[in-house]
Protein backbone atom coordinates (compact mmCIF):
# COMPACT_ATOMS: atom_id res chain seq x y z
CA MET A 1 91.47 2.70 40.75
CA ASP A 2 93.50 0.32 38.65
CA ARG A 3 97.53 0.26 39.10
CA GLU A 4 98.30 1.44 35.54
CA MET A 5 95.81 4.75 36.36
CA MET A 6 97.99 5.38 39.84
CA SER A 7 101.17 5.09 38.34
CA ASP A 8 100.35 7.41 35.49
CA LEU A 9 98.84 9.67 38.49
CA GLU A 10 102.23 9.41 40.23
CA THR A 11 104.25 9.96 37.18
CA ARG A 12 102.04 12.93 35.97
CA VAL A 13 102.47 14.37 39.85
CA ALA A 14 106.41 13.77 39.82
CA ASN A 15 106.56 15.82 36.49
CA ARG A 16 105.10 18.81 37.48
CA LYS A 17 106.82 18.84 40.51
CA ARG A 18 110.00 18.80 38.65
CA GLU A 19 108.98 21.21 36.51
CA LEU A 20 108.22 23.66 39.38
CA ILE A 21 111.45 22.97 41.07
CA ALA A 22 113.05 23.44 37.91
CA GLU A 23 111.26 26.80 37.96
CA ILE A 24 112.13 27.75 41.26
CA ILE A 25 116.17 27.20 40.30
CA GLU A 26 115.34 29.64 37.06
CA HIS A 27 114.23 32.38 39.14
CA LYS A 28 116.58 32.18 41.88
CA GLN A 29 119.28 32.38 38.62
CA ASN A 30 117.46 35.32 37.30
CA SER A 31 116.48 36.48 41.01
CA SER A 32 117.53 40.24 39.67
CA ARG A 33 114.27 40.05 37.75
CA VAL A 34 111.19 42.13 39.29
CA GLY A 35 108.96 39.33 40.72
CA ALA A 36 110.90 36.39 41.13
CA ALA A 37 110.97 36.22 44.76
CA GLU A 38 107.16 36.62 44.84
CA ALA A 39 106.91 33.79 42.03
CA ILE A 40 109.51 31.52 44.09
CA GLU A 41 107.15 31.94 47.03
CA ARG A 42 104.19 31.06 45.10
CA ILE A 43 105.70 27.99 43.89
CA LYS A 44 106.96 26.91 47.70
CA ALA A 45 103.17 27.18 48.46
CA ARG A 46 101.94 24.90 45.38
CA LEU A 47 104.96 22.43 46.77
CA SER A 48 103.53 22.47 50.27
CA GLU A 49 100.06 22.42 49.12
CA LEU A 50 101.40 18.84 47.36
CA ALA A 51 103.22 17.59 50.27
CA ARG A 52 99.65 18.03 51.91
CA ILE A 53 97.86 16.57 49.67
CA VAL A 54 100.25 13.36 49.41
CA LYS A 55 100.52 13.12 53.04
CA GLU A 56 96.71 13.03 53.51
CA GLY A 57 95.74 10.84 50.53
CA VAL A 58 98.67 8.73 50.04
CA VAL A 59 98.65 7.12 52.97
CA ASP A 60 99.85 3.15 51.56
CA GLY A 61 101.38 4.06 48.65
CA TRP A 62 100.38 5.11 45.29
CA ALA A 63 98.28 2.29 44.58
CA ASN A 64 95.84 3.10 47.23
CA VAL A 65 95.24 6.59 46.32
CA GLY A 66 91.37 7.32 47.05
CA PRO A 67 88.88 9.02 44.54
CA SER A 68 89.37 12.49 46.69
CA ALA A 69 92.77 12.69 46.75
CA THR A 70 93.09 11.73 42.98
CA LEU A 71 90.70 14.64 42.58
CA LYS A 72 92.99 16.99 44.49
CA LEU A 73 96.01 15.95 42.83
CA ASP A 74 94.59 16.36 39.28
CA GLU A 75 93.18 19.45 39.90
CA TRP A 76 96.78 20.23 41.59
CA ILE A 77 98.59 19.21 38.18
CA ALA A 78 96.17 21.33 36.20
CA LYS A 79 96.90 24.66 38.35
C-alpha cells in the first residue's frame, strides 16, 4: 500500500479516535443521563479494540500496515 493511502488511514483512525474520546468526555459531563455509563463502557471497548488492532497490525509503523490490518482498521472506523 502506498504511503499516501497509509497516511490517510492513519489520519482517519486518529480522527475517529478523537471523536470517541470527545464522546466519552461529553457523557462524563452529562453523567446523570440514563445510559451514560453504558455508553462510556461501549466506547472504551471500541478504543481497546483499536489498541489491539494497532498492536497486532501496525508493528513497524503506519507505512507497513498489511492488507488484513487495513481491512480491520477500515471496519473499526465504519462502526
